[in-house]
Each structure stands twice: as structure tokens, then as C-alpha cells.
Protein backbone atom coordinates (compact mmCIF):
# COMPACT_ATOMS: atom_id res chain seq x y z
CA MET A 1 -35.33 -56.71 44.94
CA LYS A 2 -32.53 -58.40 46.84
CA ALA A 3 -29.04 -57.09 46.19
CA TYR A 4 -26.89 -59.67 44.41
CA LYS A 5 -24.09 -59.25 46.92
CA ASP A 6 -26.44 -60.36 49.71
CA MET A 7 -27.35 -63.62 47.97
CA SER A 8 -25.98 -66.97 49.03
CA LYS A 9 -23.90 -69.05 46.64
CA GLU A 10 -26.86 -71.35 46.06
CA GLU A 11 -29.12 -68.41 45.23
CA LEU A 12 -26.53 -67.01 42.82
CA LEU A 13 -26.12 -70.37 41.07
CA ALA A 14 -29.89 -70.71 40.65
CA LEU A 15 -30.09 -67.16 39.31
CA LYS A 16 -27.22 -67.87 36.92
CA ARG A 17 -29.05 -70.87 35.45
CA SER A 18 -32.20 -68.80 34.96
CA LEU A 19 -30.30 -65.95 33.32
CA GLU A 20 -28.46 -68.36 31.02
CA GLU A 21 -31.78 -69.77 29.79
CA GLU A 22 -33.00 -66.25 29.11
CA PHE A 23 -29.71 -65.54 27.31
CA LYS A 24 -30.22 -68.53 25.00
CA THR A 25 -33.75 -67.36 24.17
CA GLU A 26 -32.47 -63.89 23.18
CA GLU A 27 -29.58 -65.39 21.22
CA ALA A 28 -32.02 -67.35 19.05
CA LYS A 29 -33.69 -64.11 17.91
CA GLY A 30 -30.63 -63.12 15.84
CA LEU A 31 -30.97 -59.40 16.53
CA SER A 32 -28.77 -56.67 15.07
CA LEU A 33 -28.91 -53.43 17.06
CA ASN A 34 -26.23 -50.73 17.34
CA MET A 35 -25.93 -48.21 20.14
CA ALA A 36 -22.18 -47.75 19.93
CA ARG A 37 -21.75 -44.22 18.57
CA GLY A 38 -23.68 -41.01 19.06
CA LYS A 39 -25.05 -40.64 15.55
CA PRO A 40 -28.25 -38.70 14.88
CA GLY A 41 -31.17 -40.86 13.79
CA ALA A 42 -32.85 -40.56 10.42
CA SER A 43 -35.75 -38.52 11.83
CA GLN A 44 -33.28 -35.97 13.18
CA LEU A 45 -31.52 -35.65 9.84
CA THR A 46 -34.87 -35.15 8.11
CA LEU A 47 -35.37 -31.97 10.15
CA SER A 48 -32.53 -30.32 8.22
CA MET A 49 -33.53 -31.42 4.71
CA PRO A 50 -35.15 -28.04 3.86
CA MET A 51 -31.67 -26.52 4.27
CA LEU A 52 -30.77 -28.07 0.92
CA ASP A 53 -33.42 -25.91 -0.75
CA VAL A 54 -32.45 -22.49 0.60
CA ILE A 55 -29.72 -22.11 -2.03
CA ASN A 56 -29.98 -23.14 -5.69
CA SER A 57 -28.60 -22.05 -9.06
CA SER A 58 -30.83 -18.96 -9.04
CA SER A 59 -29.87 -17.80 -5.55
CA ASP A 60 -28.05 -14.59 -4.67
CA MET A 61 -24.77 -16.00 -3.36
CA LYS A 62 -23.54 -12.80 -1.73
CA THR A 63 -23.05 -12.12 1.96
CA LEU A 64 -24.61 -9.17 3.75
CA LEU A 65 -21.41 -7.25 2.99
CA GLY A 66 -21.70 -8.10 -0.70
CA ASN A 67 -18.91 -10.68 -0.84
CA ASP A 68 -19.39 -13.53 -3.32
CA THR A 69 -19.39 -16.85 -1.45
CA ARG A 70 -18.55 -18.70 -4.69
CA ASN A 71 -15.12 -17.06 -4.78
CA TYR A 72 -12.10 -16.60 -2.54
CA GLY A 73 -12.32 -14.31 0.47
CA ASP A 74 -13.67 -14.34 4.03
CA TRP A 75 -11.22 -17.13 4.79
CA ASP A 76 -12.06 -16.93 8.53
CA GLY A 77 -15.79 -17.25 7.85
CA ILE A 78 -18.48 -15.03 6.37
CA GLY A 79 -19.58 -12.37 8.84
CA GLU A 80 -23.13 -13.60 9.36
CA CYS A 81 -21.96 -17.16 10.05
CA ARG A 82 -19.33 -15.92 12.48
CA ARG A 83 -22.15 -14.03 14.23
CA LEU A 84 -24.37 -17.12 14.36
CA MET A 85 -21.60 -19.33 15.75
CA ALA A 86 -20.54 -16.61 18.20
CA ASP A 87 -24.09 -16.40 19.54
CA MET A 88 -24.20 -20.19 19.89
CA MET A 89 -20.91 -20.11 21.80
CA GLU A 90 -21.90 -17.01 23.82
CA VAL A 91 -18.84 -15.02 22.77
CA LYS A 92 -18.10 -11.94 20.67
CA LYS A 93 -17.99 -12.33 16.89
CA ASP A 94 -14.40 -11.02 16.74
CA ASN A 95 -13.29 -13.92 18.93
CA VAL A 96 -14.49 -16.51 16.39
CA ILE A 97 -13.02 -18.25 13.36
CA VAL A 98 -15.45 -20.39 11.36
CA CYS A 99 -13.82 -23.45 9.83
CA GLY A 100 -14.90 -26.60 8.02
CA ASN A 101 -17.39 -29.28 8.94
CA SER A 102 -15.69 -30.70 12.05
CA SER A 103 -14.62 -29.16 15.34
CA LEU A 104 -12.54 -32.29 15.95
CA ASN A 105 -10.50 -31.28 12.90
CA ILE A 106 -9.80 -27.88 14.50
CA MET A 107 -8.65 -29.56 17.72
CA TYR A 108 -6.40 -31.90 15.77
CA ASP A 109 -4.89 -28.97 13.85
CA ILE A 110 -4.21 -26.95 16.99
CA ILE A 111 -2.50 -29.90 18.67
CA SER A 112 -0.50 -30.51 15.48
CA TYR A 113 0.50 -26.83 15.24
CA SER A 114 1.51 -26.83 18.89
CA MET A 115 3.67 -29.91 18.37
CA LEU A 116 5.38 -28.57 15.23
CA MET A 117 5.55 -24.81 15.82
CA GLY A 118 4.65 -24.10 19.41
CA VAL A 119 1.97 -21.81 20.86
CA ASN A 120 2.31 -18.04 20.45
CA GLY A 121 6.07 -18.28 20.02
CA SER A 122 6.71 -20.95 22.66
CA THR A 123 9.04 -23.91 22.11
CA PRO A 124 7.42 -26.49 19.82
CA TRP A 125 6.16 -29.36 21.92
CA CYS A 126 8.03 -31.88 19.75
CA LYS A 127 11.32 -30.39 21.00
CA LEU A 128 10.46 -30.91 24.66
CA ASP A 129 11.46 -33.94 26.68
CA LYS A 130 7.92 -34.54 27.89
CA VAL A 131 4.43 -33.25 27.02
CA LYS A 132 1.45 -34.14 29.19
CA PHE A 133 -2.32 -33.67 28.88
CA LEU A 134 -4.97 -33.96 31.58
CA CYS A 135 -7.94 -36.15 30.67
CA PRO A 136 -11.13 -36.04 32.77
CA VAL A 137 -12.51 -39.59 32.86
CA PRO A 138 -14.72 -41.06 31.73
CA GLY A 139 -14.40 -38.85 28.68
CA TYR A 140 -14.52 -38.55 24.91
CA ASP A 141 -12.51 -41.25 23.14
CA ARG A 142 -11.76 -39.14 20.05
CA HIS A 143 -10.10 -36.48 22.19
CA PHE A 144 -7.84 -39.10 23.70
CA LYS A 145 -7.00 -40.55 20.28
CA ILE A 146 -5.59 -37.19 19.15
CA THR A 147 -3.16 -36.82 22.04
CA GLU A 148 -2.27 -40.50 21.88
CA LEU A 149 -1.42 -40.16 18.17
CA PHE A 150 1.11 -37.43 18.93
CA GLY A 151 2.72 -39.38 21.76
CA ILE A 152 1.47 -37.01 24.45
CA GLU A 153 1.31 -38.56 27.92
CA MET A 154 -2.27 -38.61 29.19
CA ILE A 155 -3.14 -38.33 32.87
CA ASN A 156 -6.52 -39.47 34.20
CA ILE A 157 -8.48 -36.89 36.19
CA PRO A 158 -11.63 -38.20 37.92
CA LEU A 159 -14.82 -36.53 36.68
CA LYS A 160 -17.11 -35.70 39.59
CA GLU A 161 -20.77 -34.63 39.62
CA ASP A 162 -19.84 -30.97 39.09
CA GLY A 163 -16.82 -31.39 36.79
CA PRO A 164 -13.19 -32.56 36.96
CA ASP A 165 -11.44 -33.00 40.30
CA MET A 166 -10.11 -29.44 40.44
CA ASP A 167 -7.72 -30.16 43.31
CA MET A 168 -5.88 -32.56 41.00
CA VAL A 169 -6.15 -30.21 38.02
CA GLU A 170 -4.65 -27.33 40.00
CA LYS A 171 -1.89 -29.53 41.38
CA TYR A 172 -0.77 -30.67 37.93
CA VAL A 173 -1.29 -27.41 36.00
CA ASN A 174 0.18 -25.05 38.58
CA ASN A 175 3.27 -27.15 39.36
CA ASP A 176 4.28 -29.12 36.26
CA ASP A 177 5.37 -27.17 33.18
CA ALA A 178 5.15 -30.34 31.07
CA VAL A 179 1.35 -30.19 31.40
CA LYS A 180 0.25 -28.36 28.26
CA GLY A 181 -3.49 -28.88 28.17
CA ILE A 182 -6.69 -30.47 29.38
CA TRP A 183 -9.61 -31.91 27.44
CA CYS A 184 -13.04 -30.70 28.59
CA VAL A 185 -16.63 -31.36 27.54
CA PRO A 186 -18.18 -28.87 29.96
CA LYS A 187 -21.88 -29.22 29.19
CA TYR A 188 -23.74 -32.55 29.08
CA SER A 189 -20.34 -34.20 29.16
CA ASN A 190 -19.56 -37.18 26.95
CA PRO A 191 -20.43 -39.70 28.31
CA THR A 192 -21.62 -38.85 31.84
CA GLY A 193 -24.01 -36.02 30.92
CA ILE A 194 -22.82 -33.81 33.79
CA SER A 195 -22.29 -30.06 33.39
CA TYR A 196 -19.53 -28.07 35.09
CA SER A 197 -20.58 -26.01 38.09
CA ASP A 198 -19.89 -22.28 38.40
CA GLU A 199 -17.21 -23.02 40.99
CA VAL A 200 -15.41 -25.42 38.64
CA VAL A 201 -15.47 -22.94 35.75
CA LYS A 202 -14.12 -20.19 37.99
CA ARG A 203 -11.34 -22.46 39.29
CA PHE A 204 -10.39 -23.19 35.68
CA ALA A 205 -10.22 -19.46 34.97
CA ASN A 206 -8.05 -18.93 38.07
CA LEU A 207 -5.44 -21.55 37.17
CA LYS A 208 -1.84 -20.36 37.37
CA PRO A 209 -0.13 -22.63 34.87
CA ALA A 210 3.54 -23.44 35.28
CA ALA A 211 3.62 -23.55 31.44
CA ALA A 212 2.88 -20.33 29.58
CA ASP A 213 1.61 -22.42 26.66
CA PHE A 214 -0.91 -24.39 28.73
CA ARG A 215 -4.36 -24.38 27.09
CA ILE A 216 -7.85 -25.55 28.07
CA PHE A 217 -9.50 -27.37 25.17
CA TRP A 218 -13.15 -26.53 25.93
CA ASP A 219 -15.27 -28.67 23.59
CA ASN A 220 -18.80 -27.33 24.02
CA ALA A 221 -20.18 -29.94 21.63
CA TYR A 222 -23.57 -30.20 23.34
CA GLY A 223 -24.10 -26.57 24.34
CA ILE A 224 -27.69 -26.40 23.07
CA HIS A 225 -28.55 -30.12 23.03
CA HIS A 226 -31.25 -30.07 25.68
CA LEU A 227 -33.69 -32.94 26.22
CA TYR A 228 -36.15 -30.91 28.30
CA GLU A 229 -37.50 -27.38 28.02
CA ASN A 230 -37.88 -27.00 31.77
CA LYS A 231 -34.61 -28.72 32.80
CA GLN A 232 -31.71 -27.13 30.98
CA ASP A 233 -28.19 -27.03 32.37
CA GLU A 234 -26.36 -23.70 32.13
CA ILE A 235 -22.64 -23.06 32.56
CA LEU A 236 -20.56 -19.93 32.98
CA ASN A 237 -18.77 -18.51 29.95
CA ILE A 238 -15.18 -19.70 30.31
CA LEU A 239 -13.70 -17.06 27.99
CA GLU A 240 -15.32 -14.26 29.98
CA GLU A 241 -14.14 -15.79 33.24
CA CYS A 242 -10.59 -16.13 31.90
CA GLU A 243 -10.64 -12.49 30.80
CA LYS A 244 -11.70 -11.45 34.32
CA THR A 245 -8.70 -13.25 35.84
CA GLY A 246 -6.21 -11.94 33.30
CA ASN A 247 -5.92 -15.32 31.54
CA PRO A 248 -7.66 -14.64 28.20
CA ASP A 249 -5.19 -16.74 26.20
CA MET A 250 -5.65 -19.86 28.31
CA VAL A 251 -8.71 -21.33 26.55
CA TYR A 252 -9.90 -22.51 23.14
CA ILE A 253 -13.67 -23.06 22.83
CA PHE A 254 -14.92 -25.41 20.11
CA SER A 255 -18.37 -25.92 18.67
CA SER A 256 -20.10 -27.17 15.53
CA THR A 257 -23.46 -27.87 13.96
CA SER A 258 -22.55 -31.52 13.35
CA LYS A 259 -25.45 -32.82 15.46
CA ILE A 260 -27.64 -29.80 14.67
CA SER A 261 -27.75 -29.88 10.86
CA PHE A 262 -25.82 -32.64 9.05
CA PRO A 263 -22.83 -34.55 10.48
CA GLY A 264 -20.07 -34.27 7.88
CA SER A 265 -21.74 -31.26 6.25
CA GLY A 266 -22.06 -28.88 9.16
CA VAL A 267 -20.10 -25.81 10.22
CA SER A 268 -17.48 -25.69 12.99
CA ALA A 269 -15.83 -22.83 14.86
CA VAL A 270 -13.20 -21.99 17.43
CA ALA A 271 -13.44 -19.06 19.85
CA THR A 272 -10.48 -17.71 21.77
CA SER A 273 -8.55 -14.56 22.69
CA PHE A 274 -7.44 -12.04 20.06
CA LYS A 275 -3.81 -13.06 20.59
CA ASN A 276 -4.65 -16.71 20.00
CA ILE A 277 -6.79 -15.76 16.99
CA GLU A 278 -3.78 -14.06 15.40
CA ASP A 279 -1.60 -17.06 16.15
CA ILE A 280 -4.12 -19.39 14.49
CA LYS A 281 -4.52 -17.05 11.53
CA LYS A 282 -0.78 -17.01 10.78
CA ARG A 283 -0.79 -20.76 10.36
CA MET A 284 -4.22 -21.28 8.85
CA THR A 285 -3.67 -18.81 6.01
CA THR A 286 -0.79 -21.01 4.85
CA GLN A 287 -2.89 -24.15 5.13
CA ILE A 288 -6.12 -23.06 3.44
CA ILE A 289 -7.44 -20.17 1.34
CA GLY A 290 -10.95 -20.57 2.64
CA HIS A 291 -13.48 -23.07 3.94
CA ASP A 292 -16.88 -23.81 2.37
CA LYS A 293 -18.55 -20.40 2.42
CA ILE A 294 -21.55 -21.62 0.42
CA ASN A 295 -22.26 -24.08 3.22
CA GLN A 296 -21.89 -21.28 5.75
CA LEU A 297 -24.38 -19.17 3.80
CA ARG A 298 -26.76 -22.14 3.57
CA HIS A 299 -26.70 -22.56 7.34
CA VAL A 300 -27.32 -18.88 8.03
CA ARG A 301 -30.21 -18.63 5.61
CA PHE A 302 -31.80 -21.76 7.05
CA PHE A 303 -31.41 -20.98 10.76
CA LYS A 304 -31.39 -17.16 10.41
CA ASP A 305 -30.30 -16.55 14.02
CA LEU A 306 -29.80 -18.16 17.41
CA ASP A 307 -33.55 -18.29 18.05
CA GLY A 308 -33.90 -20.30 14.84
CA VAL A 309 -31.23 -22.74 16.03
CA LYS A 310 -32.93 -23.12 19.41
CA ALA A 311 -36.30 -23.78 17.79
CA HIS A 312 -34.66 -26.41 15.60
CA MET A 313 -33.01 -28.04 18.61
CA LYS A 314 -36.34 -28.24 20.43
CA LYS A 315 -37.46 -30.56 17.62
CA HIS A 316 -34.32 -32.64 18.15
CA GLY A 317 -35.10 -32.83 21.86
CA ASP A 318 -38.65 -34.02 21.16
CA ILE A 319 -37.22 -36.87 19.07
CA LEU A 320 -34.45 -37.86 21.49
CA ARG A 321 -36.26 -37.54 24.81
CA PRO A 322 -38.42 -40.69 24.41
CA LYS A 323 -35.34 -42.72 23.43
CA PHE A 324 -33.41 -41.62 26.50
CA GLU A 325 -36.41 -42.18 28.73
CA ALA A 326 -36.92 -45.67 27.27
CA VAL A 327 -33.38 -46.58 28.33
CA ILE A 328 -33.68 -45.03 31.79
CA ASP A 329 -37.09 -46.58 32.47
CA ILE A 330 -35.86 -50.08 31.62
CA LEU A 331 -32.65 -49.72 33.63
CA ASP A 332 -34.70 -48.46 36.58
CA ALA A 333 -37.16 -51.34 36.30
CA GLU A 334 -34.59 -54.10 35.73
CA LEU A 335 -31.63 -53.10 37.87
CA THR A 336 -32.76 -50.85 40.72
CA GLY A 337 -31.97 -52.42 44.09
CA LEU A 338 -29.64 -55.09 42.72
CA GLU A 339 -26.53 -52.98 43.47
CA ILE A 340 -24.78 -54.13 40.29
CA GLY A 341 -24.66 -50.83 38.44
CA ASN A 342 -25.23 -47.09 38.39
CA TRP A 343 -26.42 -44.91 35.52
CA ASN A 344 -26.92 -41.21 34.91
CA LYS A 345 -30.12 -39.42 33.90
CA PRO A 346 -28.89 -36.51 31.79
CA ASN A 347 -30.81 -33.34 30.93
CA GLY A 348 -29.15 -33.20 27.52
CA GLY A 349 -26.33 -34.38 25.33
CA TYR A 350 -26.01 -37.64 23.45
CA PHE A 351 -25.12 -40.37 25.93
CA ILE A 352 -26.03 -42.32 29.04
CA SER A 353 -23.11 -43.49 31.16
CA PHE A 354 -23.34 -46.82 32.97
CA ASP A 355 -20.94 -48.03 35.68
CA SER A 356 -21.05 -51.75 36.35
CA MET A 357 -19.47 -53.64 39.21
CA PRO A 358 -15.67 -53.42 38.86
CA GLY A 359 -14.31 -55.97 36.43
CA CYS A 360 -17.56 -56.49 34.50
CA ALA A 361 -17.67 -53.95 31.65
CA LYS A 362 -15.75 -55.99 29.08
CA SER A 363 -17.82 -59.07 29.86
CA ILE A 364 -21.08 -57.12 29.52
CA VAL A 365 -20.08 -55.62 26.15
CA ALA A 366 -18.99 -59.04 24.87
CA LYS A 367 -22.22 -60.70 25.97
CA CYS A 368 -24.30 -57.95 24.34
CA LYS A 369 -22.40 -58.52 21.11
CA GLU A 370 -23.25 -62.23 21.25
CA LEU A 371 -26.91 -61.23 21.35
CA GLY A 372 -26.58 -58.77 18.45
CA VAL A 373 -26.32 -55.53 20.43
CA VAL A 374 -23.20 -53.49 19.64
CA LEU A 375 -21.91 -51.11 22.30
CA THR A 376 -18.90 -48.82 22.45
CA ASP A 377 -15.86 -50.88 23.45
CA ALA A 378 -15.37 -51.14 27.19
CA GLY A 379 -12.51 -48.84 28.15
CA ALA A 380 -13.05 -46.45 25.23
CA THR A 381 -13.96 -43.62 27.60
CA PHE A 382 -10.45 -43.70 29.12
CA PRO A 383 -7.02 -42.83 27.65
CA TYR A 384 -5.36 -45.72 25.83
CA GLY A 385 -8.67 -47.61 26.06
CA LYS A 386 -7.81 -48.74 29.59
CA ASP A 387 -10.47 -48.34 32.26
CA PRO A 388 -8.66 -49.15 35.55
CA GLU A 389 -11.92 -50.43 37.08
CA ASP A 390 -13.26 -52.09 33.91
CA SER A 391 -16.67 -50.66 34.79
CA ASN A 392 -17.70 -47.78 32.51
CA ILE A 393 -19.90 -48.35 29.48
CA ARG A 394 -21.19 -45.60 27.18
CA ILE A 395 -24.73 -46.04 25.84
CA ALA A 396 -25.72 -44.05 22.74
CA PRO A 397 -29.54 -43.93 22.45
CA THR A 398 -29.75 -41.54 19.48
CA PHE A 399 -29.43 -43.62 16.31
CA PRO A 400 -31.82 -46.58 16.87
CA THR A 401 -35.59 -46.11 17.01
CA GLN A 402 -37.33 -45.86 20.37
CA GLU A 403 -38.54 -49.45 19.99
CA GLU A 404 -35.05 -50.68 19.10
CA MET A 405 -33.60 -48.85 22.10
CA ALA A 406 -36.09 -50.52 24.42
CA GLU A 407 -35.23 -53.95 22.99
CA ALA A 408 -31.49 -53.29 23.18
CA THR A 409 -31.70 -52.01 26.75
CA LYS A 410 -33.55 -55.12 27.93
CA ILE A 411 -30.74 -57.22 26.46
CA PHE A 412 -28.17 -54.92 28.05
CA ALA A 413 -29.80 -55.32 31.47
CA LEU A 414 -29.80 -59.11 31.04
CA CYS A 415 -26.09 -59.09 30.22
CA VAL A 416 -25.36 -56.84 33.21
CA LYS A 417 -27.14 -59.32 35.48
CA LEU A 418 -25.36 -62.36 34.05
CA ALA A 419 -21.89 -60.79 34.09
CA SER A 420 -22.43 -59.59 37.66
CA VAL A 421 -23.51 -63.03 38.89
CA GLU A 422 -20.49 -64.62 37.22
CA LYS A 423 -18.21 -62.07 38.87
CA LEU A 424 -19.67 -62.65 42.31
CA LEU A 425 -19.39 -66.43 41.93
CA ALA A 426 -15.74 -66.05 40.94
CA TYR A 427 -14.83 -64.28 44.19
């Protein structure tokens, strides 16, 4: 295929007319397809339905220690659920607090606590002249919404093939005491699908923050969300690495079963140092007497242990892999050689990241919407919704069927072509 940039104006105009005819044909179909958010599909949710049967009115509702999950107690999580989540997060059980159904809720609470009451006795962030957060981009829009809500200044950090630009991270963290944190999705990152290299994790652990209350928000949301059995990314344990460097308090690790069991009815957890655990406990015991221990018991009795979770996630991978491959195959077939876009081929996670020619993302998303295909808003993967290059688009292949994903991706490729031709003709 000839690269669009090498075409003459006449060739581009002829191509534009052809693409516009194709656009009209697709528009007449009146499709309605959504690949905007990373929601599990119905077949994935069906995998967890037997969980609803492991506890009923005749069940023994006691934990292994004999505590009654119907009553108060075990406010930081029943022991067997703390063990399960600790094994998922590759940390010690004593470093874990099990919370409600959303790890995002834990992140929000910790940011809120830090703003109102400080971190381990530090000055509350709300009393400081300036609070800054580092944001690897493209990244997770819901992370950015939290810091934006609290008026925290967000700083873009380019996300490379092996993780954030650590030269920039070190420069900001080690020299600016207004920098209080960094958002990270270290494994199968949202949306690029990359995983942090050993070197990047070790450089995180060796940071020398100018602010004693600087924290790494390590959202390991996709830690066991592999697409392939024989191609699985692995990352170093950040808590262990921080302990080795004498920085055990520097990191919070977050995880949940939201995309493992039921979104909205899963179990979440935070893992961190003992000092941070005590700091969280002091505040959380005022906020809540206990989370849903019956749900925790339900999860443990269904999964039993980490091997049970991994076996369950293999079934998820078998469902998701054809959807991801349908997207990749069509992008490869339709766009390779045209030099109008780049896309990742992740080994896991929930997204495919597409980078168009600069200045085309908003146009592509708008054109897709005209044809009935809803994508995440262009710019959503950057703080304040502002992509400086207007190029990144997040594709979520999980919710539609494989056939719907193929149809939607063909339309997406058409819109990429048309928006790119229009951009080149406008130069």
C-alpha cells in the first residue's frame, strides 16, 4: 500500500471521494455499537454466576476463625479474603486491607484523606500553596478525574514502551516538594497495554522524594488479566523493591476483582507498609464499621485460592482473545503501510491504544459516532481531557461480541482513513 503522505493532491482527492461514498453506505446501515468503556461482556459475567450459589440461607456464615460474617467485626477484611487478595497482589497478608467493591473508591478516599488530614502526620495538602501529581500519558481517565476534582495540578509524563519516562519522574519527585504522587497502571497499562520493566520498577523504588508525603499510587488493575497462556507479562513487586531501598512507605498498591467476578459487586484491597496501614486504619475506623464480609466470604468460597482465580481468568482470556485479535487483524489489514496510525498488540489487559496522525483523533471519534460506533472521547486518556497531539484513541474490545468488534473496527479504519486524507489535504 502507498503511504498517504506520498500521494499527490489529485490522488488524495480521488481517495477522499471514494472514502466518502463508502462512508455514506455505512451511514445508511444505522448501526449502534459501543466500544467506549472497558466493561466485561455478558459471557464473562456468566462465568461468575455460580458464585451466587455458594452461600444461601442454610450456609455456615462463619470464617475459618469462627467469626460471624453477618455481624460486625473483621472491619479490615476477613482473614481468608485478605489472604486471597494478598496472593493476587503478591504481598504479605498483614500488608493488606480488604475494602468494598471498588479500588477506585480506595484511591479517592486516600486522596481525600491526604487533602483533609495529611499523610502520616504531614501537613494536609489543602493547607499547601500547591499540590502536584505526575500523570503518565496516555493513562486512565478516572485517575485523572480524582486529582482534577481536588484541584491538584497534573503534570504529563510520557509513557514509553517500558513504563513512564523515569528521567522526568526523578527530576520532578526528587526536586519539587509540591509533587505528592504519581498515578501508575504498571501491568497491561490502561490504555497502551505496556508493562513496566524491571529497571523502571527499581528506579521507582530508588526515588528520593523531596516531599516526605510523596506516594506512588500503583493500580495493578490488570495483574492477572492475561490474553495468552504462553505470553504473560511479569513485573517486579514494587512493595518488596521499596522495602529493599528503605522506602516501604512510598507506595500504595491497589487491586480488585471488578473484572474478575462482578463489576460493582467485587472485592477491592489496598496493600502498603505497616506504617501506612496504621494511618489508613485510624481514619477508616471512623468512616466505616466494616465492609461487606458476606461478599468476601462468597468470593473466597467460590475461588478458594489463587490457583482458582487463575483458572477462572484463563476462561476470561479465552473469551477476550478472539475479540482483541479481531481488532488487531482488521487494523493490520486495513491500515498497515498507510502511515496514518499506530496501534499496540497487548498480551493482556482491557484496551488497545491507537495513535492517529496528529490532529485527527477528535475527527475520527466524531466520524465513528456518525456511523453508530461510540468510542471513548478523544483526549480522555490525558489530564483535563486535553491530548496535546490530538492523536490517542482508546479502543475497548471487551463488551461487544467478536462479530460486533469486527464490524466496529472496519468502520473505525474507514474513519481513520477519511480523517487522515482530510488532514493531509488541509496542509
